[in-house]
Amino acid sequence: MTYELNPTAALDWARRQFTHYELMKVHDSSGLPEYIAVLKPNAMHTGHAVLVCAGDVIELCTILRAQGPPRLPRRSERQ
């Protein structure tokens, strides 16, 4: 798997829209791209998905937007 250091304009725009996620484009060993969003630690316990995968930036943004804006984090059961 490889990580792209210089994002496309679309991925850069998506990163500015969804700041509570770490968005990246990765390639598997055959070279096929996949877009991944990982919830940042400070946004845990907000009810959002921790990991979201999609085939392109538009699909990834659609999935993330459907979750709604980030809410205030709730305390975990262990705190």
PDB file of N, CA and C in Angstrom:
ATOM      1  N   MET A   1       0.853  -1.163   0.000  1.00  0.00           N
ATOM      2  CA  MET A   1       0.000   0.000   0.000  1.00  0.00           C
ATOM      3  C   MET A   1       0.903   1.231   0.000  1.00  0.00           C
ATOM      4  N   THR A   2       0.537   2.235  -0.787  1.00  0.00           N
ATOM      5  CA  THR A   2       1.292   3.485  -0.805  1.00  0.00           C
ATOM      6  C   THR A   2       0.376   4.640  -0.429  1.00  0.00           C
ATOM      7  N   TYR A   3       0.948   5.682   0.141  1.00  0.00           N
ATOM      8  CA  TYR A   3       0.232   6.880   0.565  1.00  0.00           C
ATOM      9  C   TYR A   3       0.681   8.036  -0.307  1.00  0.00           C
ATOM     10  N   GLU A   4      -0.269   8.784  -0.835  1.00  0.00           N
ATOM     11  CA  GLU A   4       0.028   9.890  -1.738  1.00  0.00           C
ATOM     12  C   GLU A   4       0.345  11.151  -0.936  1.00  0.00           C
ATOM     13  N   LEU A   5       1.551  11.704  -1.094  1.00  0.00           N
ATOM     14  CA  LEU A   5       1.966  12.886  -0.338  1.00  0.00           C
ATOM     15  C   LEU A   5       1.377  14.182  -0.870  1.00  0.00           C
ATOM     16  N   ASN A   6       1.206  14.280  -2.175  1.00  0.00           N
ATOM     17  CA  ASN A   6       0.653  15.486  -2.791  1.00  0.00           C
ATOM     18  C   ASN A   6      -0.782  15.212  -3.219  1.00  0.00           C
ATOM     19  N   PRO A   7      -1.765  15.658  -2.415  1.00  0.00           N
ATOM     20  CA  PRO A   7      -3.163  15.343  -2.726  1.00  0.00           C
ATOM     21  C   PRO A   7      -3.671  16.123  -3.937  1.00  0.00           C
ATOM     22  N   THR A   8      -4.670  15.568  -4.569  1.00  0.00           N
ATOM     23  CA  THR A   8      -5.343  16.264  -5.662  1.00  0.00           C
ATOM     24  C   THR A   8      -6.133  17.433  -5.076  1.00  0.00           C
ATOM     25  N   ALA A   9      -6.599  18.323  -5.931  1.00  0.00           N
ATOM     26  CA  ALA A   9      -7.395  19.465  -5.469  1.00  0.00           C
ATOM     27  C   ALA A   9      -8.682  18.988  -4.796  1.00  0.00           C
ATOM     28  N   ALA A  10      -9.290  17.933  -5.330  1.00  0.00           N
ATOM     29  CA  ALA A  10     -10.533  17.409  -4.746  1.00  0.00           C
ATOM     30  C   ALA A  10     -10.296  16.852  -3.345  1.00  0.00           C
ATOM     31  N   LEU A  11      -9.211  16.119  -3.153  1.00  0.00           N
ATOM     32  CA  LEU A  11      -8.907  15.565  -1.844  1.00  0.00           C
ATOM     33  C   LEU A  11      -8.540  16.675  -0.861  1.00  0.00           C
ATOM     34  N   ASP A  12      -7.805  17.672  -1.324  1.00  0.00           N
ATOM     35  CA  ASP A  12      -7.459  18.808  -0.473  1.00  0.00           C
ATOM     36  C   ASP A  12      -8.725  19.546  -0.030  1.00  0.00           C
ATOM     37  N   TRP A  13      -9.669  19.752  -0.933  1.00  0.00           N
ATOM     38  CA  TRP A  13     -10.950  20.387  -0.603  1.00  0.00           C
ATOM     39  C   TRP A  13     -11.700  19.553   0.431  1.00  0.00           C
ATOM     40  N   ALA A  14     -11.751  18.234   0.235  1.00  0.00           N
ATOM     41  CA  ALA A  14     -12.454  17.351   1.169  1.00  0.00           C
ATOM     42  C   ALA A  14     -11.819  17.398   2.557  1.00  0.00           C
ATOM     43  N   ARG A  15     -10.513  17.486   2.618  1.00  0.00           N
ATOM     44  CA  ARG A  15      -9.827  17.588   3.918  1.00  0.00           C
ATOM     45  C   ARG A  15     -10.227  18.850   4.659  1.00  0.00           C
ATOM     46  N   ARG A  16     -10.435  19.938   3.928  1.00  0.00           N
ATOM     47  CA  ARG A  16     -10.864  21.186   4.573  1.00  0.00           C
ATOM     48  C   ARG A  16     -12.321  21.117   5.021  1.00  0.00           C
ATOM     49  N   GLN A  17     -13.144  20.311   4.356  1.00  0.00           N
ATOM     50  CA  GLN A  17     -14.554  20.189   4.721  1.00  0.00           C
ATOM     51  C   GLN A  17     -14.769  19.267   5.927  1.00  0.00           C
ATOM     52  N   PHE A  18     -13.977  18.232   6.028  1.00  0.00           N
ATOM     53  CA  PHE A  18     -14.162  17.211   7.064  1.00  0.00           C
ATOM     54  C   PHE A  18     -12.916  17.163   7.950  1.00  0.00           C
ATOM     55  N   THR A  19     -12.731  18.215   8.729  1.00  0.00           N
ATOM     56  CA  THR A  19     -11.518  18.358   9.536  1.00  0.00           C
ATOM     57  C   THR A  19     -11.453  17.373  10.702  1.00  0.00           C
ATOM     58  N   HIS A  20     -12.563  16.737  11.043  1.00  0.00           N
ATOM     59  CA  HIS A  20     -12.564  15.755  12.125  1.00  0.00           C
ATOM     60  C   HIS A  20     -12.112  14.375  11.636  1.00  0.00           C
ATOM     61  N   TYR A  21     -11.801  14.266  10.360  1.00  0.00           N
ATOM     62  CA  TYR A  21     -11.283  13.028   9.771  1.00  0.00           C
ATOM     63  C   TYR A  21      -9.908  13.258   9.173  1.00  0.00           C
ATOM     64  N   GLU A  22      -9.113  12.216   9.138  1.00  0.00           N
ATOM     65  CA  GLU A  22      -7.859  12.201   8.390  1.00  0.00           C
ATOM     66  C   GLU A  22      -8.188  11.512   7.062  1.00  0.00           C
ATOM     67  N   LEU A  23      -8.175  12.264   5.976  1.00  0.00           N
ATOM     68  CA  LEU A  23      -8.519  11.724   4.662  1.00  0.00           C
ATOM     69  C   LEU A  23      -7.258  11.438   3.870  1.00  0.00           C
ATOM     70  N   MET A  24      -7.249  10.293   3.204  1.00  0.00           N
ATOM     71  CA  MET A  24      -6.077   9.929   2.416  1.00  0.00           C
ATOM     72  C   MET A  24      -6.471   9.065   1.229  1.00  0.00           C
ATOM     73  N   LYS A  25      -5.594   9.084   0.231  1.00  0.00           N
ATOM     74  CA  LYS A  25      -5.735   8.218  -0.933  1.00  0.00           C
ATOM     75  C   LYS A  25      -4.602   7.214  -0.852  1.00  0.00           C
ATOM     76  N   VAL A  26      -4.950   5.954  -0.935  1.00  0.00           N
ATOM     77  CA  VAL A  26      -3.943   4.895  -0.906  1.00  0.00           C
ATOM     78  C   VAL A  26      -4.091   4.048  -2.160  1.00  0.00           C
ATOM     79  N   HIS A  27      -3.051   3.329  -2.492  1.00  0.00           N
ATOM     80  CA  HIS A  27      -3.059   2.419  -3.641  1.00  0.00           C
ATOM     81  C   HIS A  27      -2.659   1.037  -3.141  1.00  0.00           C
ATOM     82  N   ASP A  28      -3.366   0.024  -3.616  1.00  0.00           N
ATOM     83  CA  ASP A  28      -2.968  -1.333  -3.248  1.00  0.00           C
ATOM     84  C   ASP A  28      -1.824  -1.787  -4.151  1.00  0.00           C
ATOM     85  N   SER A  29      -1.382  -3.006  -3.970  1.00  0.00           N
ATOM     86  CA  SER A  29      -0.225  -3.499  -4.726  1.00  0.00           C
ATOM     87  C   SER A  29      -0.467  -3.547  -6.238  1.00  0.00           C
ATOM     88  N   SER A  30      -1.727  -3.615  -6.649  1.00  0.00           N
ATOM     89  CA  SER A  30      -2.017  -3.617  -8.088  1.00  0.00           C
ATOM     90  C   SER A  30      -2.188  -2.207  -8.643  1.00  0.00           C
ATOM     91  N   GLY A  31      -2.117  -1.189  -7.778  1.00  0.00           N
ATOM     92  CA  GLY A  31      -2.208   0.191  -8.231  1.00  0.00           C
ATOM     93  C   GLY A  31      -3.594   0.797  -8.179  1.00  0.00           C
ATOM     94  N   LEU A  32      -4.604   0.044  -7.734  1.00  0.00           N
ATOM     95  CA  LEU A  32      -5.964   0.578  -7.649  1.00  0.00           C
ATOM     96  C   LEU A  32      -6.079   1.550  -6.474  1.00  0.00           C
ATOM     97  N   PRO A  33      -6.670   2.732  -6.716  1.00  0.00           N
ATOM     98  CA  PRO A  33      -6.799   3.704  -5.630  1.00  0.00           C
ATOM     99  C   PRO A  33      -8.019   3.422  -4.751  1.00  0.00           C
ATOM    100  N   GLU A  34      -7.902   3.837  -3.504  1.00  0.00           N
ATOM    101  CA  GLU A  34      -9.027   3.801  -2.569  1.00  0.00           C
ATOM    102  C   GLU A  34      -8.876   5.009  -1.658  1.00  0.00           C
ATOM    103  N   TYR A  35      -9.998   5.625  -1.327  1.00  0.00           N
ATOM    104  CA  TYR A  35      -9.992   6.791  -0.457  1.00  0.00           C
ATOM    105  C   TYR A  35     -10.482   6.364   0.913  1.00  0.00           C
ATOM    106  N   ILE A  36      -9.749   6.799   1.941  1.00  0.00           N
ATOM    107  CA  ILE A  36     -10.020   6.356   3.303  1.00  0.00           C
ATOM    108  C   ILE A  36     -10.134   7.582   4.203  1.00  0.00           C
ATOM    109  N   ALA A  37     -11.097   7.535   5.120  1.00  0.00           N
ATOM    110  CA  ALA A  37     -11.247   8.568   6.145  1.00  0.00           C
ATOM    111  C   ALA A  37     -11.189   7.878   7.502  1.00  0.00           C
ATOM    112  N   VAL A  38     -10.284   8.353   8.362  1.00  0.00           N
ATOM    113  CA  VAL A  38     -10.125   7.802   9.710  1.00  0.00           C
ATOM    114  C   VAL A  38     -10.474   8.913  10.693  1.00  0.00           C
ATOM    115  N   LEU A  39     -11.377   8.631  11.610  1.00  0.00           N
ATOM    116  CA  LEU A  39     -11.797   9.615  12.602  1.00  0.00           C
ATOM    117  C   LEU A  39     -10.625   9.976  13.507  1.00  0.00           C
ATOM    118  N   LYS A  40     -10.403  11.265  13.703  1.00  0.00           N
ATOM    119  CA  LYS A  40      -9.295  11.721  14.542  1.00  0.00           C
ATOM    120  C   LYS A  40      -9.603  11.439  16.019  1.00  0.00           C
ATOM    121  N   PRO A  41      -8.574  11.231  16.838  1.00  0.00           N
ATOM    122  CA  PRO A  41      -8.790  10.892  18.247  1.00  0.00           C
ATOM    123  C   PRO A  41      -9.646  11.897  19.011  1.00  0.00           C
ATOM    124  N   ASN A  42      -9.525  13.181  18.697  1.00  0.00           N
ATOM    125  CA  ASN A  42     -10.316  14.172  19.428  1.00  0.00           C
ATOM    126  C   ASN A  42     -11.791  14.181  19.029  1.00  0.00           C
ATOM    127  N   ALA A  43     -12.173  13.400  18.028  1.00  0.00           N
ATOM    128  CA  ALA A  43     -13.567  13.315  17.596  1.00  0.00           C
ATOM    129  C   ALA A  43     -14.189  11.964  17.931  1.00  0.00           C
ATOM    130  N   MET A  44     -13.481  11.147  18.698  1.00  0.00           N
ATOM    131  CA  MET A  44     -14.032   9.846  19.099  1.00  0.00           C
ATOM    132  C   MET A  44     -15.256  10.065  19.990  1.00  0.00           C
ATOM    133  N   HIS A  45     -16.121   9.101  20.047  1.00  0.00           N
ATOM    134  CA  HIS A  45     -17.344   9.119  20.863  1.00  0.00           C
ATOM    135  C   HIS A  45     -18.320  10.210  20.437  1.00  0.00           C
ATOM    136  N   THR A  46     -18.306  10.555  19.141  1.00  0.00           N
ATOM    137  CA  THR A  46     -19.264  11.526  18.607  1.00  0.00           C
ATOM    138  C   THR A  46     -20.380  10.835  17.834  1.00  0.00           C
ATOM    139  N   GLY A  47     -20.302   9.524  17.701  1.00  0.00           N
ATOM    140  CA  GLY A  47     -21.296   8.794  16.942  1.00  0.00           C
ATOM    141  C   GLY A  47     -20.946   8.623  15.474  1.00  0.00           C
ATOM    142  N   HIS A  48     -19.840   9.199  15.038  1.00  0.00           N
ATOM    143  CA  HIS A  48     -19.422   9.064  13.643  1.00  0.00           C
ATOM    144  C   HIS A  48     -18.658   7.754  13.442  1.00  0.00           C
ATOM    145  N   ALA A  49     -18.667   7.282  12.205  1.00  0.00           N
ATOM    146  CA  ALA A  49     -17.918   6.076  11.856  1.00  0.00           C
ATOM    147  C   ALA A  49     -16.433   6.333  12.059  1.00  0.00           C
ATOM    148  N   VAL A  50     -15.722   5.352  12.560  1.00  0.00           N
ATOM    149  CA  VAL A  50     -14.299   5.490  12.814  1.00  0.00           C
ATOM    150  C   VAL A  50     -13.502   5.338  11.526  1.00  0.00           C
ATOM    151  N   LEU A  51     -13.947   4.478  10.620  1.00  0.00           N
ATOM    152  CA  LEU A  51     -13.257   4.238   9.361  1.00  0.00           C
ATOM    153  C   LEU A  51     -14.276   4.205   8.233  1.00  0.00           C
ATOM    154  N   VAL A  52     -14.010   4.972   7.188  1.00  0.00           N
ATOM    155  CA  VAL A  52     -14.888   5.005   6.014  1.00  0.00           C
ATOM    156  C   VAL A  52     -14.004   4.823   4.785  1.00  0.00           C
ATOM    157  N   CYS A  53     -14.395   3.945   3.884  1.00  0.00           N
ATOM    158  CA  CYS A  53     -13.646   3.680   2.649  1.00  0.00           C
ATOM    159  C   CYS A  53     -14.557   3.909   1.443  1.00  0.00           C
ATOM    160  N   ALA A  54     -13.980   4.426   0.367  1.00  0.00           N
ATOM    161  CA  ALA A  54     -14.751   4.670  -0.847  1.00  0.00           C
ATOM    162  C   ALA A  54     -13.838   4.572  -2.059  1.00  0.00           C
ATOM    163  N   GLY A  55     -14.456   4.471  -3.229  1.00  0.00           N
ATOM    164  CA  GLY A  55     -13.706   4.341  -4.471  1.00  0.00           C
ATOM    165  C   GLY A  55     -13.230   5.653  -5.056  1.00  0.00           C
ATOM    166  N   ASP A  56     -13.870   6.775  -4.664  1.00  0.00           N
ATOM    167  CA  ASP A  56     -13.431   8.088  -5.136  1.00  0.00           C
ATOM    168  C   ASP A  56     -13.780   9.153  -4.099  1.00  0.00           C
ATOM    169  N   VAL A  57     -13.293  10.362  -4.308  1.00  0.00           N
ATOM    170  CA  VAL A  57     -13.490  11.446  -3.340  1.00  0.00           C
ATOM    171  C   VAL A  57     -14.956  11.818  -3.214  1.00  0.00           C
ATOM    172  N   ILE A  58     -15.684  11.846  -4.317  1.00  0.00           N
ATOM    173  CA  ILE A  58     -17.102  12.225  -4.281  1.00  0.00           C
ATOM    174  C   ILE A  58     -17.895  11.246  -3.429  1.00  0.00           C
ATOM    175  N   GLU A  59     -17.670   9.961  -3.629  1.00  0.00           N
ATOM    176  CA  GLU A  59     -18.363   8.945  -2.832  1.00  0.00           C
ATOM    177  C   GLU A  59     -17.999   9.077  -1.349  1.00  0.00           C
ATOM    178  N   LEU A  60     -16.730   9.320  -1.054  1.00  0.00           N
ATOM    179  CA  LEU A  60     -16.287   9.476   0.326  1.00  0.00           C
ATOM    180  C   LEU A  60     -16.969  10.678   0.970  1.00  0.00           C
ATOM    181  N   CYS A  61     -17.023  11.805   0.275  1.00  0.00           N
ATOM    182  CA  CYS A  61     -17.679  13.000   0.808  1.00  0.00           C
ATOM    183  C   CYS A  61     -19.170  12.788   1.018  1.00  0.00           C
ATOM    184  N   THR A  62     -19.801  12.058   0.126  1.00  0.00           N
ATOM    185  CA  THR A  62     -21.228  11.760   0.258  1.00  0.00           C
ATOM    186  C   THR A  62     -21.496  10.969   1.527  1.00  0.00           C
ATOM    187  N   ILE A  63     -20.680   9.975   1.788  1.00  0.00           N
ATOM    188  CA  ILE A  63     -20.841   9.156   2.991  1.00  0.00           C
ATOM    189  C   ILE A  63     -20.595   9.989   4.244  1.00  0.00           C
ATOM    190  N   LEU A  64     -19.538  10.781   4.246  1.00  0.00           N
ATOM    191  CA  LEU A  64     -19.215  11.593   5.421  1.00  0.00           C
ATOM    192  C   LEU A  64     -20.271  12.661   5.673  1.00  0.00           C
ATOM    193  N   ARG A  65     -20.771  13.286   4.619  1.00  0.00           N
ATOM    194  CA  ARG A  65     -21.790  14.321   4.758  1.00  0.00           C
ATOM    195  C   ARG A  65     -23.092  13.737   5.321  1.00  0.00           C
ATOM    196  N   ALA A  66     -23.414  12.505   4.977  1.00  0.00           N
ATOM    197  CA  ALA A  66     -24.645  11.869   5.452  1.00  0.00           C
ATOM    198  C   ALA A  66     -24.643  11.665   6.966  1.00  0.00           C
ATOM    199  N   GLN A  67     -23.459  11.660   7.581  1.00  0.00           N
ATOM    200  CA  GLN A  67     -23.376  11.494   9.031  1.00  0.00           C
ATOM    201  C   GLN A  67     -23.768  12.756   9.787  1.00  0.00           C
ATOM    202  N   GLY A  68     -23.806  13.885   9.100  1.00  0.00           N
ATOM    203  CA  GLY A  68     -24.128  15.150   9.744  1.00  0.00           C
ATOM    204  C   GLY A  68     -22.881  15.775  10.347  1.00  0.00           C
ATOM    205  N   PRO A  69     -23.048  16.965  10.921  1.00  0.00           N
ATOM    206  CA  PRO A  69     -21.893  17.648  11.511  1.00  0.00           C
ATOM    207  C   PRO A  69     -21.422  16.917  12.766  1.00  0.00           C
ATOM    208  N   PRO A  70     -20.162  17.095  13.109  1.00  0.00           N
ATOM    209  CA  PRO A  70     -19.669  16.425  14.314  1.00  0.00           C
ATOM    210  C   PRO A  70     -20.351  16.985  15.562  1.00  0.00           C
ATOM    211  N   ARG A  71     -20.730  16.096  16.451  1.00  0.00           N
ATOM    212  CA  ARG A  71     -21.350  16.499  17.715  1.00  0.00           C
ATOM    213  C   ARG A  71     -20.279  16.550  18.794  1.00  0.00           C
ATOM    214  N   LEU A  72     -20.649  17.049  19.945  1.00  0.00           N
ATOM    215  CA  LEU A  72     -19.717  17.047  21.061  1.00  0.00           C
ATOM    216  C   LEU A  72     -19.440  15.617  21.485  1.00  0.00           C
ATOM    217  N   PRO A  73     -18.204  15.301  21.804  1.00  0.00           N
ATOM    218  CA  PRO A  73     -17.893  13.928  22.232  1.00  0.00           C
ATOM    219  C   PRO A  73     -18.580  13.587  23.547  1.00  0.00           C
ATOM    220  N   ARG A  74     -19.017  12.348  23.671  1.00  0.00           N
ATOM    221  CA  ARG A  74     -19.564  11.854  24.933  1.00  0.00           C
ATOM    222  C   ARG A  74     -18.458  11.127  25.663  1.00  0.00           C
ATOM    223  N   ARG A  75     -18.600  11.055  26.948  1.00  0.00           N
ATOM    224  CA  ARG A  75     -17.611  10.313  27.725  1.00  0.00           C
ATOM    225  C   ARG A  75     -17.733   8.827  27.432  1.00  0.00           C
ATOM    226  N   SER A  76     -16.604   8.168  27.386  1.00  0.00           N
ATOM    227  CA  SER A  76     -16.648   6.731  27.193  1.00  0.00           C
ATOM    228  C   SER A  76     -17.065   6.081  28.517  1.00  0.00           C
ATOM    229  N   GLU A  77     -17.410   4.820  28.464  1.00  0.00           N
ATOM    230  CA  GLU A  77     -17.837   4.098  29.652  1.00  0.00           C
ATOM    231  C   GLU A  77     -16.726   3.978  30.666  1.00  0.00           C
ATOM    232  N   ARG A  78     -15.477   3.998  30.222  1.00  0.00           N
ATOM    233  CA  ARG A  78     -14.333   3.785  31.108  1.00  0.00           C
ATOM    234  C   ARG A  78     -13.902   5.050  31.835  1.00  0.00           C
ATOM    235  N   GLN A  79     -14.390   6.209  31.477  1.00  0.00           N
ATOM    236  CA  GLN A  79     -13.932   7.454  32.113  1.00  0.00           C
ATOM    237  C   GLN A  79     -14.744   7.779  33.330  1.00  0.00           C
TER     238      GLN A  79
END
